[in-house]
N, C-alpha and C. Protein backbone atom coordinates (compact mmCIF):
# COMPACT_ATOMS: atom_id res chain seq x y z
N MET A 1 -33.73 10.30 11.82
CA MET A 1 -32.69 11.27 11.73
C MET A 1 -31.42 10.09 11.64
N LEU A 2 -31.30 9.68 12.66
CA LEU A 2 -30.26 9.19 13.50
C LEU A 2 -30.03 8.51 12.73
N LYS A 3 -30.84 7.55 11.83
CA LYS A 3 -30.10 6.14 10.91
C LYS A 3 -30.06 6.15 10.27
N PRO A 4 -30.12 7.04 9.06
CA PRO A 4 -29.67 7.12 7.69
C PRO A 4 -28.52 7.81 8.00
N VAL A 5 -27.92 8.54 8.90
CA VAL A 5 -26.52 9.27 9.51
C VAL A 5 -25.58 7.91 9.44
N PHE A 6 -26.09 7.19 10.70
CA PHE A 6 -24.90 5.66 12.08
C PHE A 6 -25.25 5.24 10.55
N LEU A 7 -26.35 4.84 9.22
CA LEU A 7 -25.86 3.79 8.01
C LEU A 7 -25.09 4.08 7.36
N ALA A 8 -24.66 5.52 7.20
CA ALA A 8 -24.23 6.03 6.59
C ALA A 8 -22.59 5.93 6.25
N LEU A 9 -22.79 6.45 7.55
CA LEU A 9 -20.86 6.16 8.71
C LEU A 9 -20.89 4.30 9.40
N ILE A 10 -21.25 3.69 9.20
CA ILE A 10 -20.92 2.19 8.81
C ILE A 10 -20.78 2.05 7.16
N ILE A 11 -21.40 2.77 6.48
CA ILE A 11 -21.59 1.67 5.10
C ILE A 11 -19.61 2.51 4.92
N ALA A 12 -19.36 3.29 5.22
CA ALA A 12 -18.27 4.46 5.11
C ALA A 12 -17.68 3.92 5.83
N LEU A 13 -17.42 3.36 7.34
CA LEU A 13 -16.84 2.93 7.33
C LEU A 13 -15.45 1.62 7.06
N VAL A 14 -16.66 0.34 6.94
CA VAL A 14 -16.86 -1.16 5.73
C VAL A 14 -15.58 -0.29 4.23
N LEU A 15 -16.26 0.47 3.90
CA LEU A 15 -15.28 1.24 2.27
C LEU A 15 -14.06 1.16 2.53
N LYS A 16 -13.70 1.97 3.62
CA LYS A 16 -12.79 1.76 4.31
C LYS A 16 -11.64 1.33 4.44
N LEU A 17 -11.97 0.36 5.35
CA LEU A 17 -11.62 -0.84 5.58
C LEU A 17 -11.12 -1.84 5.06
N PHE A 18 -12.29 -2.13 4.43
CA PHE A 18 -12.36 -3.69 3.41
C PHE A 18 -11.91 -2.74 2.00
N LEU A 19 -12.36 -2.32 1.44
CA LEU A 19 -12.82 -1.70 -0.34
C LEU A 19 -11.51 -0.77 -0.58
N ILE A 20 -12.23 0.71 -0.52
CA ILE A 20 -11.80 2.20 -1.16
C ILE A 20 -11.22 3.10 -0.03
N ASP A 21 -9.32 2.79 0.24
CA ASP A 21 -8.65 4.09 0.86
C ASP A 21 -8.51 5.46 0.86
N LEU A 22 -8.64 6.35 1.41
CA LEU A 22 -7.98 7.96 1.02
C LEU A 22 -7.13 8.10 2.02
N ILE A 23 -5.42 8.42 1.82
CA ILE A 23 -4.75 9.17 2.75
C ILE A 23 -4.13 10.53 1.38
N ILE A 24 -3.50 11.36 1.65
CA ILE A 24 -2.42 12.68 1.78
C ILE A 24 -0.94 11.63 1.66
N ALA A 25 -0.22 11.99 0.28
CA ALA A 25 0.84 12.14 0.32
C ALA A 25 1.98 12.91 0.66
N GLN A 26 2.39 12.31 1.40
CA GLN A 26 3.91 12.83 2.65
C GLN A 26 5.54 12.90 1.98
N GLY A 27 5.72 13.81 1.15
CA GLY A 27 7.37 13.53 1.16
C GLY A 27 7.16 13.87 -0.31
N HIS A 28 7.95 14.46 -1.11
CA HIS A 28 8.58 14.09 -2.20
C HIS A 28 9.34 12.88 -2.84
N SER A 29 9.51 11.84 -2.37
CA SER A 29 10.22 10.77 -3.19
C SER A 29 9.44 10.27 -4.76
N MET A 30 8.12 10.54 -4.41
CA MET A 30 7.37 9.93 -5.37
C MET A 30 7.24 10.95 -6.90
N GLU A 31 7.56 12.10 -6.85
CA GLU A 31 7.64 13.44 -7.28
C GLU A 31 8.42 13.53 -8.58
N PRO A 32 7.56 13.14 -9.87
CA PRO A 32 6.84 14.17 -10.44
C PRO A 32 6.02 13.55 -10.29
N THR A 33 5.60 12.31 -10.51
CA THR A 33 4.52 11.21 -10.73
C THR A 33 2.79 11.75 -9.62
N ILE A 34 3.43 11.85 -8.10
CA ILE A 34 2.85 12.23 -7.04
C ILE A 34 3.36 12.95 -6.60
N LYS A 35 2.63 13.82 -5.95
CA LYS A 35 3.41 15.43 -5.20
C LYS A 35 3.42 15.41 -4.05
N ASN A 36 3.64 16.23 -3.27
CA ASN A 36 3.15 16.49 -1.71
C ASN A 36 2.47 16.97 -1.24
N GLY A 37 1.07 16.11 -0.38
CA GLY A 37 -0.60 17.07 -0.96
C GLY A 37 -1.13 15.98 -1.51
N ASP A 38 -0.56 15.54 -2.07
CA ASP A 38 -1.83 14.67 -3.15
C ASP A 38 -2.86 13.42 -2.48
N ILE A 39 -3.66 13.67 -2.42
CA ILE A 39 -5.14 12.73 -2.53
C ILE A 39 -4.74 10.88 -3.13
N LEU A 40 -4.84 10.58 -2.55
CA LEU A 40 -4.40 9.20 -3.37
C LEU A 40 -5.56 7.70 -3.02
N ILE A 41 -6.19 7.80 -4.23
CA ILE A 41 -7.32 6.78 -3.73
C ILE A 41 -6.90 5.45 -4.32
N ILE A 42 -6.79 4.40 -3.25
CA ILE A 42 -6.08 2.94 -2.95
C ILE A 42 -6.84 1.85 -2.51
N SER A 43 -6.28 0.82 -3.06
CA SER A 43 -8.03 -0.32 -3.16
C SER A 43 -6.81 -0.96 -2.81
N ARG A 44 -8.30 -1.32 -1.61
CA ARG A 44 -7.84 -2.49 -0.30
C ARG A 44 -7.87 -4.28 -0.91
N LEU A 45 -8.63 -4.15 -2.08
CA LEU A 45 -8.66 -4.91 -2.40
C LEU A 45 -7.83 -5.90 -3.52
N ARG A 46 -6.74 -5.01 -4.09
CA ARG A 46 -6.33 -5.61 -5.69
C ARG A 46 -5.24 -6.27 -4.83
N TYR A 47 -5.32 -6.79 -4.22
CA TYR A 47 -4.53 -7.79 -4.11
C TYR A 47 -4.42 -9.51 -2.85
N GLY A 48 -5.17 -9.01 -1.77
CA GLY A 48 -6.22 -10.07 -1.52
C GLY A 48 -7.60 -9.78 -0.89
N MET A 49 -7.34 -10.28 0.55
CA MET A 49 -8.90 -9.84 1.41
C MET A 49 -7.57 -9.99 2.83
N ARG A 50 -7.27 -8.73 3.48
CA ARG A 50 -7.61 -8.94 5.14
C ARG A 50 -7.91 -8.95 6.30
N LEU A 51 -9.00 -8.70 7.27
CA LEU A 51 -9.01 -8.41 7.84
C LEU A 51 -8.42 -6.98 8.60
N PRO A 52 -9.54 -6.16 9.24
CA PRO A 52 -8.90 -4.95 9.40
C PRO A 52 -7.05 -4.94 10.57
N LEU A 53 -6.21 -3.96 10.74
CA LEU A 53 -5.33 -4.53 11.77
C LEU A 53 -4.95 -5.30 11.38
N GLN A 54 -4.96 -6.21 10.92
CA GLN A 54 -4.35 -7.82 10.61
C GLN A 54 -2.89 -7.91 8.98
N ARG A 55 -2.01 -8.27 9.38
CA ARG A 55 -1.40 -8.24 7.91
C ARG A 55 -0.87 -9.11 7.53
N GLU A 56 -1.55 -9.86 7.74
CA GLU A 56 -1.29 -11.59 6.86
C GLU A 56 -2.94 -11.35 5.69
N TYR A 57 -3.23 -12.05 4.99
CA TYR A 57 -3.94 -12.06 4.16
C TYR A 57 -5.07 -13.49 4.44
N LEU A 58 -6.04 -12.72 4.42
CA LEU A 58 -7.11 -14.58 4.56
C LEU A 58 -7.14 -15.34 3.35
N VAL A 59 -6.86 -14.49 1.97
CA VAL A 59 -7.19 -13.92 0.95
C VAL A 59 -6.18 -14.13 -0.22
N ARG A 60 -5.61 -14.70 -0.96
CA ARG A 60 -4.25 -13.20 -1.59
C ARG A 60 -5.08 -14.41 -3.81
N TRP A 61 -5.51 -13.20 -4.14
CA TRP A 61 -5.73 -13.09 -5.63
C TRP A 61 -4.45 -12.96 -7.19
N ALA A 62 -3.97 -12.07 -6.28
CA ALA A 62 -2.97 -11.15 -6.41
C ALA A 62 -1.72 -10.62 -6.33
N MET A 63 -0.66 -10.94 -7.31
CA MET A 63 0.73 -10.04 -6.17
C MET A 63 1.67 -8.96 -7.17
N PRO A 64 1.91 -7.99 -6.36
CA PRO A 64 2.78 -6.41 -7.47
C PRO A 64 3.19 -6.49 -7.84
N LYS A 65 2.68 -6.27 -9.51
CA LYS A 65 3.69 -6.48 -10.79
C LYS A 65 5.06 -4.52 -10.65
N THR A 66 5.20 -5.46 -11.43
CA THR A 66 6.27 -4.09 -11.75
C THR A 66 5.87 -2.87 -12.13
N GLY A 67 6.61 -1.56 -11.67
CA GLY A 67 6.29 -1.00 -11.91
C GLY A 67 4.57 -0.73 -11.40
N GLU A 68 3.96 -1.51 -10.64
CA GLU A 68 2.54 -0.54 -10.00
C GLU A 68 3.25 -0.13 -8.28
N VAL A 69 2.57 1.26 -8.40
CA VAL A 69 2.15 2.69 -7.07
C VAL A 69 1.78 2.14 -6.07
N VAL A 70 2.18 0.54 -4.90
CA VAL A 70 1.64 0.55 -3.74
C VAL A 70 2.23 1.75 -2.53
N VAL A 71 0.89 0.74 -1.64
CA VAL A 71 1.06 1.96 -0.09
C VAL A 71 1.53 0.49 0.54
N PHE A 72 2.23 0.75 2.15
CA PHE A 72 3.15 -0.56 2.23
C PHE A 72 3.68 0.30 3.55
N TYR A 73 4.22 -0.97 4.04
CA TYR A 73 4.29 -0.32 5.49
C TYR A 73 6.30 -0.59 5.91
N THR A 74 6.59 0.67 6.23
CA THR A 74 8.02 -0.48 5.43
C THR A 74 8.58 -0.98 6.48
N PRO A 75 10.20 -1.47 6.86
CA PRO A 75 10.50 -2.11 8.12
C PRO A 75 10.43 -1.73 8.89
N SER A 76 10.52 -0.53 9.34
CA SER A 76 10.38 0.59 10.57
C SER A 76 8.85 1.19 11.52
N GLY A 77 7.92 0.53 9.98
CA GLY A 77 6.46 0.88 10.28
C GLY A 77 6.24 1.50 9.86
N GLU A 78 6.95 2.28 9.08
CA GLU A 78 6.01 4.03 8.53
C GLU A 78 5.42 3.70 7.18
N LEU A 79 4.32 3.60 7.36
CA LEU A 79 3.39 4.00 5.73
C LEU A 79 4.47 4.63 5.04
N ALA A 80 4.87 3.90 3.74
CA ALA A 80 5.17 4.58 2.74
C ALA A 80 4.30 3.83 0.60
N VAL A 81 4.86 5.16 0.11
CA VAL A 81 4.34 5.11 -1.39
C VAL A 81 4.62 4.63 -2.24
N LYS A 82 5.34 3.56 -2.98
CA LYS A 82 6.87 3.87 -3.87
C LYS A 82 6.19 3.26 -5.47
N ARG A 83 7.27 2.73 -5.76
CA ARG A 83 6.77 2.40 -7.13
C ARG A 83 7.77 0.50 -7.00
N CYS A 84 6.15 -0.52 -6.33
CA CYS A 84 7.47 -1.83 -7.03
C CYS A 84 7.93 -2.05 -8.02
N THR A 85 9.89 -2.07 -7.82
CA THR A 85 10.17 -2.67 -9.29
C THR A 85 10.87 -4.24 -9.09
N GLU A 86 10.74 -5.03 -8.44
CA GLU A 86 10.99 -6.60 -8.89
C GLU A 86 10.20 -7.00 -7.34
N ILE A 87 10.19 -8.56 -7.77
CA ILE A 87 9.33 -9.18 -6.38
C ILE A 87 10.31 -10.10 -6.69
N ILE A 88 10.74 -10.59 -4.95
CA ILE A 88 11.39 -12.14 -5.09
C ILE A 88 10.61 -12.93 -4.47
N ASP A 89 10.76 -14.08 -4.68
CA ASP A 89 10.16 -15.84 -4.22
C ASP A 89 11.06 -15.84 -3.14
N ASP A 90 11.33 -16.34 -2.08
CA ASP A 90 12.82 -16.69 -1.30
C ASP A 90 11.73 -17.60 -1.05
N ARG A 91 12.12 -19.27 -1.37
CA ARG A 91 11.33 -19.91 -1.05
C ARG A 91 12.17 -20.58 1.00
N TYR A 92 13.41 -19.98 1.10
CA TYR A 92 13.85 -20.02 2.63
C TYR A 92 13.85 -19.10 3.34
N ALA A 93 12.51 -18.12 2.75
CA ALA A 93 12.40 -16.84 4.00
C ALA A 93 11.18 -17.59 4.74
N ALA A 94 10.98 -16.94 6.43
CA ALA A 94 9.54 -17.47 6.54
C ALA A 94 8.39 -16.64 6.11
N ARG A 95 8.50 -15.65 5.51
CA ARG A 95 7.51 -15.06 4.25
C ARG A 95 8.67 -14.86 2.87
N LYS A 96 7.53 -16.16 2.28
CA LYS A 96 7.55 -16.43 1.01
C LYS A 96 8.62 -15.34 0.05
N THR A 97 7.43 -14.30 -0.23
CA THR A 97 6.84 -13.06 -1.25
C THR A 97 7.54 -12.24 -0.61
N ARG A 98 8.91 -11.18 -1.66
CA ARG A 98 9.25 -9.82 -1.02
C ARG A 98 9.69 -9.26 -2.51
N PHE A 99 8.81 -7.82 -2.43
CA PHE A 99 9.66 -6.57 -3.04
C PHE A 99 10.44 -5.71 -2.72
N PHE A 100 10.75 -5.15 -3.70
CA PHE A 100 11.51 -4.05 -4.02
C PHE A 100 11.08 -2.90 -4.08
N ALA A 101 10.67 -1.84 -2.98
CA ALA A 101 10.37 -0.67 -3.54
C ALA A 101 10.81 1.00 -3.39
N VAL A 102 10.68 1.70 -4.60
CA VAL A 102 11.92 2.45 -5.21
C VAL A 102 10.91 4.00 -5.36
N GLY A 103 11.09 4.71 -4.79
CA GLY A 103 10.55 6.31 -5.13
C GLY A 103 10.75 7.12 -6.43
N ASP A 104 10.37 6.61 -7.45
CA ASP A 104 10.28 7.71 -8.52
C ASP A 104 11.58 8.69 -8.59
N ASN A 105 11.42 9.86 -7.60
CA ASN A 105 12.58 11.23 -7.62
C ASN A 105 13.55 9.73 -6.53
N SER A 106 14.26 9.18 -7.97
CA SER A 106 15.32 8.94 -6.92
C SER A 106 16.45 9.66 -5.69
N LEU A 107 16.64 10.36 -5.62
CA LEU A 107 17.81 11.26 -5.87
C LEU A 107 17.56 11.55 -4.21
N ASP A 108 15.83 12.41 -4.33
CA ASP A 108 15.29 12.36 -2.17
C ASP A 108 14.20 11.64 -2.21
N SER A 109 14.91 9.72 -2.44
CA SER A 109 13.52 8.89 -1.47
C SER A 109 14.49 7.47 -1.11
N PHE A 110 13.84 7.46 0.90
CA PHE A 110 14.35 6.73 0.81
C PHE A 110 13.46 5.24 0.64
N ASP A 111 14.06 4.12 0.27
CA ASP A 111 13.43 2.89 0.02
C ASP A 111 14.14 1.90 -0.24
N SER A 112 13.76 0.75 -0.66
CA SER A 112 14.99 -0.30 -0.24
C SER A 112 16.36 -0.39 -0.91
N ARG A 113 16.36 0.60 -1.66
CA ARG A 113 17.78 0.81 -1.40
C ARG A 113 18.32 0.94 -0.02
N SER A 114 17.88 1.41 0.56
CA SER A 114 18.24 1.59 2.20
C SER A 114 18.12 0.66 2.88
N TYR A 115 16.80 0.30 3.26
CA TYR A 115 16.40 -0.79 3.86
C TYR A 115 16.06 -2.38 3.20
N GLY A 116 16.35 -2.44 2.20
CA GLY A 116 16.20 -3.70 1.93
C GLY A 116 15.41 -3.68 1.15
N SER A 117 14.55 -5.86 0.41
CA SER A 117 13.44 -6.06 0.14
C SER A 117 12.39 -5.72 0.69
N VAL A 118 10.73 -5.38 1.23
CA VAL A 118 9.66 -5.27 2.12
C VAL A 118 8.75 -6.61 1.95
N PRO A 119 8.76 -7.70 2.67
CA PRO A 119 7.27 -9.05 2.63
C PRO A 119 6.25 -8.13 1.62
N VAL A 120 5.96 -9.26 1.33
CA VAL A 120 4.93 -8.86 0.38
C VAL A 120 3.24 -8.61 1.26
N GLU A 121 2.67 -9.30 2.94
CA GLU A 121 2.11 -8.65 3.56
C GLU A 121 2.20 -7.55 4.00
N ASN A 122 3.15 -6.21 3.49
CA ASN A 122 3.07 -4.76 4.15
C ASN A 122 2.23 -4.17 3.58
N ILE A 123 2.57 -4.71 2.01
CA ILE A 123 1.07 -3.97 1.34
C ILE A 123 -0.02 -4.18 1.72
N ILE A 124 -0.57 -2.45 1.81
CA ILE A 124 -2.02 -1.64 2.29
C ILE A 124 -2.32 -2.25 0.91
N GLY A 125 -2.70 -1.95 0.42
CA GLY A 125 -3.21 -1.88 -1.35
C GLY A 125 -2.30 -0.91 -2.78
N LYS A 126 -2.69 -0.51 -3.36
CA LYS A 126 -2.45 -0.17 -4.98
C LYS A 126 -3.22 1.91 -4.65
N VAL A 127 -2.24 2.47 -5.39
CA VAL A 127 -2.81 3.32 -5.66
C VAL A 127 -3.86 3.08 -6.91
N LEU A 128 -4.61 3.70 -7.15
CA LEU A 128 -5.86 3.88 -8.09
C LEU A 128 -6.17 5.21 -9.14
N GLY A 129 -5.69 5.87 -8.42
CA GLY A 129 -5.48 8.20 -8.46
C GLY A 129 -4.86 8.76 -8.16
N PHE A 130 -4.47 9.47 -8.22
CA PHE A 130 -4.75 11.08 -7.75
C PHE A 130 -4.76 12.33 -8.29
């Protein structure tokens, strides 16, 4: 009886850490696209693979595209959901690739217009659906 439950927990943990994650949207910065309280499905493998709790990708196979909605850590460490509006390649910076993130509700969004560009390494994944 315990073996199937234990196996299911292990599978769920692996899925959450490496493949798919679910988060609940908080705030109004992405309205009307994403509403406060919406459950978001996040692809953790969309841009590459990394170990859990690590910022650096082990392998990267894609970059966010303009218009994609991504989940990332802001420069202050808060989790955010915003739309990628621009990718910047700064060959002089330690982290070469950065992006601008803007909320769809521009009147009520704390985004790159306030804190600047964000390293691509801060991205957790792409929003697949809600």
